[in-house]
Amino acid sequence: RNAAMIATGLGAKVTILDINVQRLSVITDIFGSSCATL
């Protein structure tokens, strides 16, 4: 989550992967479309 915060802030394209769908849902809630999830 913290890596995504800085990477998106730098303007990068960001994709985050996890085995836990609920965690990925939290990422979507926080970052919206600025961070893709898989």
PDB file of all heavy atoms in Angstrom:
ATOM      1  N   ARG A   1       0.828  -1.212   0.000  1.00  0.00           N
ATOM      2  CA  ARG A   1       0.000   0.000   0.000  1.00  0.00           C
ATOM      3  C   ARG A   1       0.861   1.259   0.000  1.00  0.00           C
ATOM      4  O   ARG A   1       0.573   2.228  -0.708  1.00  0.00           O
ATOM      5  CB  ARG A   1      -0.927   0.014   1.221  1.00  0.00           C
ATOM      6  CG  ARG A   1      -2.040  -1.003   1.169  1.00  0.00           C
ATOM      7  CD  ARG A   1      -3.137  -0.676   2.167  1.00  0.00           C
ATOM      8  NE  ARG A   1      -2.634  -0.557   3.533  1.00  0.00           N
ATOM      9  CZ  ARG A   1      -2.509  -1.577   4.375  1.00  0.00           C
ATOM     10  NH1 ARG A   1      -2.833  -2.802   3.966  1.00  0.00           N
ATOM     11  NH2 ARG A   1      -2.077  -1.391   5.606  1.00  0.00           N
ATOM     12  N   ASN A   2       1.909   1.245   0.801  1.00  0.00           N
ATOM     13  CA  ASN A   2       2.760   2.431   0.882  1.00  0.00           C
ATOM     14  C   ASN A   2       3.605   2.613  -0.370  1.00  0.00           C
ATOM     15  O   ASN A   2       3.850   3.743  -0.796  1.00  0.00           O
ATOM     16  CB  ASN A   2       3.623   2.354   2.138  1.00  0.00           C
ATOM     17  CG  ASN A   2       2.852   2.710   3.386  1.00  0.00           C
ATOM     18  OD1 ASN A   2       2.734   3.876   3.740  1.00  0.00           O
ATOM     19  ND2 ASN A   2       2.300   1.708   4.055  1.00  0.00           N
ATOM     20  N   ALA A   3       4.046   1.507  -0.955  1.00  0.00           N
ATOM     21  CA  ALA A   3       4.766   1.597  -2.220  1.00  0.00           C
ATOM     22  C   ALA A   3       3.859   2.161  -3.315  1.00  0.00           C
ATOM     23  O   ALA A   3       4.275   2.998  -4.117  1.00  0.00           O
ATOM     24  CB  ALA A   3       5.302   0.225  -2.627  1.00  0.00           C
ATOM     25  N   ALA A   4       2.611   1.709  -3.322  1.00  0.00           N
ATOM     26  CA  ALA A   4       1.660   2.194  -4.324  1.00  0.00           C
ATOM     27  C   ALA A   4       1.403   3.691  -4.147  1.00  0.00           C
ATOM     28  O   ALA A   4       1.261   4.430  -5.130  1.00  0.00           O
ATOM     29  CB  ALA A   4       0.355   1.411  -4.219  1.00  0.00           C
ATOM     30  N   MET A   5       1.331   4.141  -2.903  1.00  0.00           N
ATOM     31  CA  MET A   5       1.084   5.560  -2.634  1.00  0.00           C
ATOM     32  C   MET A   5       2.179   6.435  -3.251  1.00  0.00           C
ATOM     33  O   MET A   5       1.901   7.439  -3.906  1.00  0.00           O
ATOM     34  CB  MET A   5       1.012   5.804  -1.130  1.00  0.00           C
ATOM     35  CG  MET A   5       0.777   7.254  -0.745  1.00  0.00           C
ATOM     36  SD  MET A   5       0.715   7.507   1.037  1.00  0.00           S
ATOM     37  CE  MET A   5       2.460   7.292   1.432  1.00  0.00           C
ATOM     38  N   ILE A   6       3.438   6.031  -3.047  1.00  0.00           N
ATOM     39  CA  ILE A   6       4.550   6.831  -3.578  1.00  0.00           C
ATOM     40  C   ILE A   6       4.665   6.677  -5.089  1.00  0.00           C
ATOM     41  O   ILE A   6       4.899   7.653  -5.808  1.00  0.00           O
ATOM     42  CB  ILE A   6       5.873   6.429  -2.893  1.00  0.00           C
ATOM     43  CG1 ILE A   6       5.786   6.658  -1.387  1.00  0.00           C
ATOM     44  CG2 ILE A   6       7.038   7.205  -3.497  1.00  0.00           C
ATOM     45  CD1 ILE A   6       5.470   8.088  -0.981  1.00  0.00           C
ATOM     46  N   ALA A   7       4.490   5.455  -5.588  1.00  0.00           N
ATOM     47  CA  ALA A   7       4.624   5.220  -7.033  1.00  0.00           C
ATOM     48  C   ALA A   7       3.561   5.978  -7.817  1.00  0.00           C
ATOM     49  O   ALA A   7       3.858   6.578  -8.864  1.00  0.00           O
ATOM     50  CB  ALA A   7       4.552   3.728  -7.328  1.00  0.00           C
ATOM     51  N   THR A   8       2.327   5.957  -7.328  1.00  0.00           N
ATOM     52  CA  THR A   8       1.278   6.723  -8.018  1.00  0.00           C
ATOM     53  C   THR A   8       1.548   8.212  -7.902  1.00  0.00           C
ATOM     54  O   THR A   8       1.290   8.973  -8.838  1.00  0.00           O
ATOM     55  CB  THR A   8      -0.115   6.389  -7.459  1.00  0.00           C
ATOM     56  OG1 THR A   8      -0.139   6.604  -6.035  1.00  0.00           O
ATOM     57  CG2 THR A   8      -0.512   4.954  -7.766  1.00  0.00           C
ATOM     58  N   GLY A   9       2.074   8.634  -6.747  1.00  0.00           N
ATOM     59  CA  GLY A   9       2.413  10.038  -6.568  1.00  0.00           C
ATOM     60  C   GLY A   9       3.492  10.508  -7.521  1.00  0.00           C
ATOM     61  O   GLY A   9       3.514  11.676  -7.930  1.00  0.00           O
ATOM     62  N   LEU A  10       4.395   9.599  -7.892  1.00  0.00           N
ATOM     63  CA  LEU A  10       5.440   9.919  -8.862  1.00  0.00           C
ATOM     64  C   LEU A  10       4.907   9.948 -10.289  1.00  0.00           C
ATOM     65  O   LEU A  10       5.622  10.355 -11.213  1.00  0.00           O
ATOM     66  CB  LEU A  10       6.577   8.889  -8.764  1.00  0.00           C
ATOM     67  CG  LEU A  10       7.467   8.954  -7.520  1.00  0.00           C
ATOM     68  CD1 LEU A  10       8.406   7.751  -7.478  1.00  0.00           C
ATOM     69  CD2 LEU A  10       8.273  10.252  -7.497  1.00  0.00           C
ATOM     70  N   GLY A  11       3.667   9.499 -10.456  1.00  0.00           N
ATOM     71  CA  GLY A  11       3.071   9.510 -11.788  1.00  0.00           C
ATOM     72  C   GLY A  11       3.256   8.230 -12.565  1.00  0.00           C
ATOM     73  O   GLY A  11       2.973   8.185 -13.773  1.00  0.00           O
ATOM     74  N   ALA A  12       3.727   7.179 -11.914  1.00  0.00           N
ATOM     75  CA  ALA A  12       3.952   5.912 -12.603  1.00  0.00           C
ATOM     76  C   ALA A  12       2.633   5.168 -12.846  1.00  0.00           C
ATOM     77  O   ALA A  12       1.629   5.396 -12.158  1.00  0.00           O
ATOM     78  CB  ALA A  12       4.892   5.033 -11.777  1.00  0.00           C
ATOM     79  N   LYS A  13       2.674   4.285 -13.802  1.00  0.00           N
ATOM     80  CA  LYS A  13       1.615   3.303 -13.972  1.00  0.00           C
ATOM     81  C   LYS A  13       1.857   2.218 -12.932  1.00  0.00           C
ATOM     82  O   LYS A  13       2.969   1.699 -12.822  1.00  0.00           O
ATOM     83  CB  LYS A  13       1.661   2.709 -15.381  1.00  0.00           C
ATOM     84  CG  LYS A  13       0.677   1.577 -15.625  1.00  0.00           C
ATOM     85  CD  LYS A  13       0.872   0.979 -17.024  1.00  0.00           C
ATOM     86  CE  LYS A  13      -0.045  -0.208 -17.246  1.00  0.00           C
ATOM     87  NZ  LYS A  13       0.152  -0.805 -18.598  1.00  0.00           N
ATOM     88  N   VAL A  14       0.843   1.855 -12.155  1.00  0.00           N
ATOM     89  CA  VAL A  14       1.049   0.936 -11.038  1.00  0.00           C
ATOM     90  C   VAL A  14       0.076  -0.233 -11.127  1.00  0.00           C
ATOM     91  O   VAL A  14      -1.128  -0.046 -11.346  1.00  0.00           O
ATOM     92  CB  VAL A  14       0.865   1.652  -9.680  1.00  0.00           C
ATOM     93  CG1 VAL A  14       1.057   0.675  -8.530  1.00  0.00           C
ATOM     94  CG2 VAL A  14       1.845   2.809  -9.563  1.00  0.00           C
ATOM     95  N   THR A  15       0.612  -1.436 -10.956  1.00  0.00           N
ATOM     96  CA  THR A  15      -0.202  -2.649 -10.848  1.00  0.00           C
ATOM     97  C   THR A  15       0.211  -3.374  -9.577  1.00  0.00           C
ATOM     98  O   THR A  15       1.402  -3.572  -9.333  1.00  0.00           O
ATOM     99  CB  THR A  15       0.006  -3.590 -12.058  1.00  0.00           C
ATOM    100  OG1 THR A  15      -0.266  -2.881 -13.266  1.00  0.00           O
ATOM    101  CG2 THR A  15      -0.927  -4.796 -11.957  1.00  0.00           C
ATOM    102  N   ILE A  16      -0.770  -3.758  -8.780  1.00  0.00           N
ATOM    103  CA  ILE A  16      -0.479  -4.454  -7.530  1.00  0.00           C
ATOM    104  C   ILE A  16      -1.176  -5.804  -7.529  1.00  0.00           C
ATOM    105  O   ILE A  16      -2.339  -5.918  -7.937  1.00  0.00           O
ATOM    106  CB  ILE A  16      -0.881  -3.583  -6.308  1.00  0.00           C
ATOM    107  CG1 ILE A  16      -0.381  -4.190  -5.007  1.00  0.00           C
ATOM    108  CG2 ILE A  16      -2.371  -3.300  -6.280  1.00  0.00           C
ATOM    109  CD1 ILE A  16      -0.409  -3.215  -3.837  1.00  0.00           C
ATOM    110  N   LEU A  17      -0.444  -6.845  -7.098  1.00  0.00           N
ATOM    111  CA  LEU A  17      -0.979  -8.204  -7.080  1.00  0.00           C
ATOM    112  C   LEU A  17      -0.994  -8.744  -5.654  1.00  0.00           C
ATOM    113  O   LEU A  17      -0.088  -8.466  -4.858  1.00  0.00           O
ATOM    114  CB  LEU A  17      -0.144  -9.140  -7.951  1.00  0.00           C
ATOM    115  CG  LEU A  17      -0.068  -8.840  -9.446  1.00  0.00           C
ATOM    116  CD1 LEU A  17       1.128  -7.940  -9.764  1.00  0.00           C
ATOM    117  CD2 LEU A  17       0.039 -10.142 -10.260  1.00  0.00           C
ATOM    118  N   ASP A  18      -2.008  -9.532  -5.350  1.00  0.00           N
ATOM    119  CA  ASP A  18      -2.099 -10.178  -4.042  1.00  0.00           C
ATOM    120  C   ASP A  18      -2.981 -11.420  -4.194  1.00  0.00           C
ATOM    121  O   ASP A  18      -3.801 -11.506  -5.113  1.00  0.00           O
ATOM    122  CB  ASP A  18      -2.698  -9.219  -2.999  1.00  0.00           C
ATOM    123  CG  ASP A  18      -2.399  -9.644  -1.568  1.00  0.00           C
ATOM    124  OD1 ASP A  18      -3.018 -10.619  -1.081  1.00  0.00           O
ATOM    125  OD2 ASP A  18      -1.554  -9.009  -0.922  1.00  0.00           O
ATOM    126  N   ILE A  19      -2.799 -12.370  -3.282  1.00  0.00           N
ATOM    127  CA  ILE A  19      -3.626 -13.577  -3.307  1.00  0.00           C
ATOM    128  C   ILE A  19      -4.948 -13.356  -2.584  1.00  0.00           C
ATOM    129  O   ILE A  19      -5.841 -14.207  -2.646  1.00  0.00           O
ATOM    130  CB  ILE A  19      -2.889 -14.775  -2.671  1.00  0.00           C
ATOM    131  CG1 ILE A  19      -2.516 -14.469  -1.215  1.00  0.00           C
ATOM    132  CG2 ILE A  19      -1.662 -15.144  -3.492  1.00  0.00           C
ATOM    133  CD1 ILE A  19      -1.915 -15.655  -0.474  1.00  0.00           C
ATOM    134  N   ASN A  20      -5.096 -12.214  -1.909  1.00  0.00           N
ATOM    135  CA  ASN A  20      -6.269 -11.912  -1.103  1.00  0.00           C
ATOM    136  C   ASN A  20      -7.119 -10.856  -1.812  1.00  0.00           C
ATOM    137  O   ASN A  20      -6.716  -9.693  -1.936  1.00  0.00           O
ATOM    138  CB  ASN A  20      -5.826 -11.412   0.282  1.00  0.00           C
ATOM    139  CG  ASN A  20      -6.985 -11.239   1.247  1.00  0.00           C
ATOM    140  OD1 ASN A  20      -8.032 -10.735   0.881  1.00  0.00           O
ATOM    141  ND2 ASN A  20      -6.771 -11.633   2.491  1.00  0.00           N
ATOM    142  N   VAL A  21      -8.292 -11.250  -2.275  1.00  0.00           N
ATOM    143  CA  VAL A  21      -9.160 -10.338  -3.024  1.00  0.00           C
ATOM    144  C   VAL A  21      -9.620  -9.168  -2.156  1.00  0.00           C
ATOM    145  O   VAL A  21      -9.767  -8.033  -2.642  1.00  0.00           O
ATOM    146  CB  VAL A  21     -10.376 -11.104  -3.586  1.00  0.00           C
ATOM    147  CG1 VAL A  21     -11.352 -10.142  -4.257  1.00  0.00           C
ATOM    148  CG2 VAL A  21      -9.930 -12.168  -4.582  1.00  0.00           C
ATOM    149  N   GLN A  22      -9.848  -9.413  -0.861  1.00  0.00           N
ATOM    150  CA  GLN A  22     -10.274  -8.329   0.024  1.00  0.00           C
ATOM    151  C   GLN A  22      -9.205  -7.247   0.126  1.00  0.00           C
ATOM    152  O   GLN A  22      -9.523  -6.050   0.149  1.00  0.00           O
ATOM    153  CB  GLN A  22     -10.605  -8.886   1.414  1.00  0.00           C
ATOM    154  CG  GLN A  22     -11.886  -9.719   1.435  1.00  0.00           C
ATOM    155  CD  GLN A  22     -12.221 -10.226   2.831  1.00  0.00           C
ATOM    156  OE1 GLN A  22     -11.343 -10.603   3.591  1.00  0.00           O
ATOM    157  NE2 GLN A  22     -13.507 -10.231   3.156  1.00  0.00           N
ATOM    158  N   ARG A  23      -7.941  -7.647   0.192  1.00  0.00           N
ATOM    159  CA  ARG A  23      -6.864  -6.660   0.221  1.00  0.00           C
ATOM    160  C   ARG A  23      -6.836  -5.851  -1.076  1.00  0.00           C
ATOM    161  O   ARG A  23      -6.606  -4.640  -1.067  1.00  0.00           O
ATOM    162  CB  ARG A  23      -5.514  -7.343   0.422  1.00  0.00           C
ATOM    163  CG  ARG A  23      -5.211  -7.724   1.859  1.00  0.00           C
ATOM    164  CD  ARG A  23      -3.797  -8.252   1.962  1.00  0.00           C
ATOM    165  NE  ARG A  23      -3.386  -8.457   3.344  1.00  0.00           N
ATOM    166  CZ  ARG A  23      -2.188  -8.861   3.727  1.00  0.00           C
ATOM    167  NH1 ARG A  23      -1.272  -9.117   2.809  1.00  0.00           N
ATOM    168  NH2 ARG A  23      -1.897  -9.015   5.001  1.00  0.00           N
ATOM    169  N   LEU A  24      -7.047  -6.526  -2.187  1.00  0.00           N
ATOM    170  CA  LEU A  24      -7.071  -5.819  -3.461  1.00  0.00           C
ATOM    171  C   LEU A  24      -8.238  -4.845  -3.521  1.00  0.00           C
ATOM    172  O   LEU A  24      -8.125  -3.749  -4.097  1.00  0.00           O
ATOM    173  CB  LEU A  24      -7.154  -6.820  -4.617  1.00  0.00           C
ATOM    174  CG  LEU A  24      -5.926  -7.711  -4.813  1.00  0.00           C
ATOM    175  CD1 LEU A  24      -6.182  -8.708  -5.939  1.00  0.00           C
ATOM    176  CD2 LEU A  24      -4.679  -6.885  -5.115  1.00  0.00           C
ATOM    177  N   SER A  25      -9.350  -5.212  -2.896  1.00  0.00           N
ATOM    178  CA  SER A  25     -10.512  -4.319  -2.844  1.00  0.00           C
ATOM    179  C   SER A  25     -10.182  -3.044  -2.075  1.00  0.00           C
ATOM    180  O   SER A  25     -10.604  -1.947  -2.452  1.00  0.00           O
ATOM    181  CB  SER A  25     -11.695  -5.042  -2.187  1.00  0.00           C
ATOM    182  OG  SER A  25     -12.828  -4.203  -2.106  1.00  0.00           O
ATOM    183  N   VAL A  26      -9.411  -3.192  -1.007  1.00  0.00           N
ATOM    184  CA  VAL A  26      -8.981  -2.018  -0.242  1.00  0.00           C
ATOM    185  C   VAL A  26      -8.119  -1.110  -1.113  1.00  0.00           C
ATOM    186  O   VAL A  26      -8.250   0.123  -1.074  1.00  0.00           O
ATOM    187  CB  VAL A  26      -8.219  -2.448   1.034  1.00  0.00           C
ATOM    188  CG1 VAL A  26      -7.564  -1.251   1.711  1.00  0.00           C
ATOM    189  CG2 VAL A  26      -9.149  -3.164   2.002  1.00  0.00           C
ATOM    190  N   ILE A  27      -7.238  -1.710  -1.902  1.00  0.00           N
ATOM    191  CA  ILE A  27      -6.379  -0.926  -2.806  1.00  0.00           C
ATOM    192  C   ILE A  27      -7.231  -0.124  -3.780  1.00  0.00           C
ATOM    193  O   ILE A  27      -6.980   1.065  -4.031  1.00  0.00           O
ATOM    194  CB  ILE A  27      -5.413  -1.848  -3.578  1.00  0.00           C
ATOM    195  CG1 ILE A  27      -4.406  -2.496  -2.618  1.00  0.00           C
ATOM    196  CG2 ILE A  27      -4.686  -1.077  -4.684  1.00  0.00           C
ATOM    197  CD1 ILE A  27      -3.482  -1.531  -1.921  1.00  0.00           C
ATOM    198  N   THR A  28      -8.248  -0.749  -4.324  1.00  0.00           N
ATOM    199  CA  THR A  28      -9.145  -0.058  -5.251  1.00  0.00           C
ATOM    200  C   THR A  28      -9.874   1.079  -4.553  1.00  0.00           C
ATOM    201  O   THR A  28     -10.035   2.171  -5.114  1.00  0.00           O
ATOM    202  CB  THR A  28     -10.154  -1.046  -5.856  1.00  0.00           C
ATOM    203  OG1 THR A  28      -9.449  -2.067  -6.562  1.00  0.00           O
ATOM    204  CG2 THR A  28     -11.101  -0.343  -6.816  1.00  0.00           C
ATOM    205  N   ASP A  29     -10.313   0.842  -3.314  1.00  0.00           N
ATOM    206  CA  ASP A  29     -11.000   1.894  -2.552  1.00  0.00           C
ATOM    207  C   ASP A  29     -10.082   3.086  -2.310  1.00  0.00           C
ATOM    208  O   ASP A  29     -10.522   4.239  -2.337  1.00  0.00           O
ATOM    209  CB  ASP A  29     -11.481   1.346  -1.206  1.00  0.00           C
ATOM    210  CG  ASP A  29     -12.638   0.361  -1.337  1.00  0.00           C
ATOM    211  OD1 ASP A  29     -13.276   0.353  -2.399  1.00  0.00           O
ATOM    212  OD2 ASP A  29     -12.880  -0.388  -0.374  1.00  0.00           O
ATOM    213  N   ILE A  30      -8.804   2.811  -2.065  1.00  0.00           N
ATOM    214  CA  ILE A  30      -7.858   3.888  -1.755  1.00  0.00           C
ATOM    215  C   ILE A  30      -7.413   4.627  -3.016  1.00  0.00           C
ATOM    216  O   ILE A  30      -7.426   5.864  -3.063  1.00  0.00           O
ATOM    217  CB  ILE A  30      -6.606   3.324  -1.042  1.00  0.00           C
ATOM    218  CG1 ILE A  30      -6.975   2.749   0.325  1.00  0.00           C
ATOM    219  CG2 ILE A  30      -5.535   4.415  -0.883  1.00  0.00           C
ATOM    220  CD1 ILE A  30      -5.847   1.990   0.998  1.00  0.00           C
ATOM    221  N   PHE A  31      -7.043   3.876  -4.054  1.00  0.00           N
ATOM    222  CA  PHE A  31      -6.376   4.481  -5.200  1.00  0.00           C
ATOM    223  C   PHE A  31      -7.261   4.616  -6.437  1.00  0.00           C
ATOM    224  O   PHE A  31      -6.891   5.319  -7.384  1.00  0.00           O
ATOM    225  CB  PHE A  31      -5.125   3.668  -5.571  1.00  0.00           C
ATOM    226  CG  PHE A  31      -4.091   3.645  -4.492  1.00  0.00           C
ATOM    227  CD1 PHE A  31      -3.942   2.530  -3.680  1.00  0.00           C
ATOM    228  CD2 PHE A  31      -3.265   4.734  -4.275  1.00  0.00           C
ATOM    229  CE1 PHE A  31      -2.989   2.495  -2.683  1.00  0.00           C
ATOM    230  CE2 PHE A  31      -2.309   4.717  -3.277  1.00  0.00           C
ATOM    231  CZ  PHE A  31      -2.167   3.603  -2.463  1.00  0.00           C
ATOM    232  N   GLY A  32      -8.403   3.945  -6.436  1.00  0.00           N
ATOM    233  CA  GLY A  32      -9.271   4.009  -7.597  1.00  0.00           C
ATOM    234  C   GLY A  32      -8.585   3.512  -8.853  1.00  0.00           C
ATOM    235  O   GLY A  32      -7.828   2.537  -8.832  1.00  0.00           O
ATOM    236  N   SER A  33      -8.796   4.221  -9.952  1.00  0.00           N
ATOM    237  CA  SER A  33      -8.263   3.770 -11.242  1.00  0.00           C
ATOM    238  C   SER A  33      -6.775   4.060 -11.407  1.00  0.00           C
ATOM    239  O   SER A  33      -6.171   3.637 -12.400  1.00  0.00           O
ATOM    240  CB  SER A  33      -9.036   4.443 -12.379  1.00  0.00           C
ATOM    241  OG  SER A  33      -8.916   5.855 -12.292  1.00  0.00           O
ATOM    242  N   SER A  34      -6.170   4.762 -10.442  1.00  0.00           N
ATOM    243  CA  SER A  34      -4.739   5.066 -10.569  1.00  0.00           C
ATOM    244  C   SER A  34      -3.856   3.869 -10.247  1.00  0.00           C
ATOM    245  O   SER A  34      -2.643   3.910 -10.464  1.00  0.00           O
ATOM    246  CB  SER A  34      -4.356   6.242  -9.662  1.00  0.00           C
ATOM    247  OG  SER A  34      -4.570   5.926  -8.301  1.00  0.00           O
ATOM    248  N   CYS A  35      -4.460   2.804  -9.726  1.00  0.00           N
ATOM    249  CA  CYS A  35      -3.685   1.601  -9.412  1.00  0.00           C
ATOM    250  C   CYS A  35      -4.485   0.372  -9.838  1.00  0.00           C
ATOM    251  O   CYS A  35      -5.565   0.105  -9.297  1.00  0.00           O
ATOM    252  CB  CYS A  35      -3.390   1.547  -7.909  1.00  0.00           C
ATOM    253  SG  CYS A  35      -2.403   0.136  -7.393  1.00  0.00           S
ATOM    254  N   ALA A  36      -3.975  -0.357 -10.819  1.00  0.00           N
ATOM    255  CA  ALA A  36      -4.646  -1.570 -11.276  1.00  0.00           C
ATOM    256  C   ALA A  36      -4.377  -2.704 -10.298  1.00  0.00           C
ATOM    257  O   ALA A  36      -3.336  -2.739  -9.640  1.00  0.00           O
ATOM    258  CB  ALA A  36      -4.164  -1.949 -12.666  1.00  0.00           C
ATOM    259  N   THR A  37      -5.319  -3.645 -10.198  1.00  0.00           N
ATOM    260  CA  THR A  37      -5.145  -4.788  -9.305  1.00  0.00           C
ATOM    261  C   THR A  37      -5.291  -6.090 -10.086  1.00  0.00           C
ATOM    262  O   THR A  37      -6.061  -6.173 -11.047  1.00  0.00           O
ATOM    263  CB  THR A  37      -6.175  -4.770  -8.159  1.00  0.00           C
ATOM    264  OG1 THR A  37      -7.500  -4.807  -8.706  1.00  0.00           O
ATOM    265  CG2 THR A  37      -6.022  -3.535  -7.292  1.00  0.00           C
ATOM    266  N   LEU A  38      -4.532  -7.092  -9.641  1.00  0.00           N
ATOM    267  CA  LEU A  38      -4.610  -8.418 -10.241  1.00  0.00           C
ATOM    268  C   LEU A  38      -4.492  -9.463  -9.144  1.00  0.00           C
ATOM    269  O   LEU A  38      -3.722  -9.278  -8.188  1.00  0.00           O
ATOM    270  CB  LEU A  38      -3.466  -8.644 -11.237  1.00  0.00           C
ATOM    271  CG  LEU A  38      -3.607  -8.138 -12.673  1.00  0.00           C
ATOM    272  CD1 LEU A  38      -2.304  -8.383 -13.424  1.00  0.00           C
ATOM    273  CD2 LEU A  38      -4.768  -8.814 -13.375  1.00  0.00           C
TER     274      LEU A  38
END
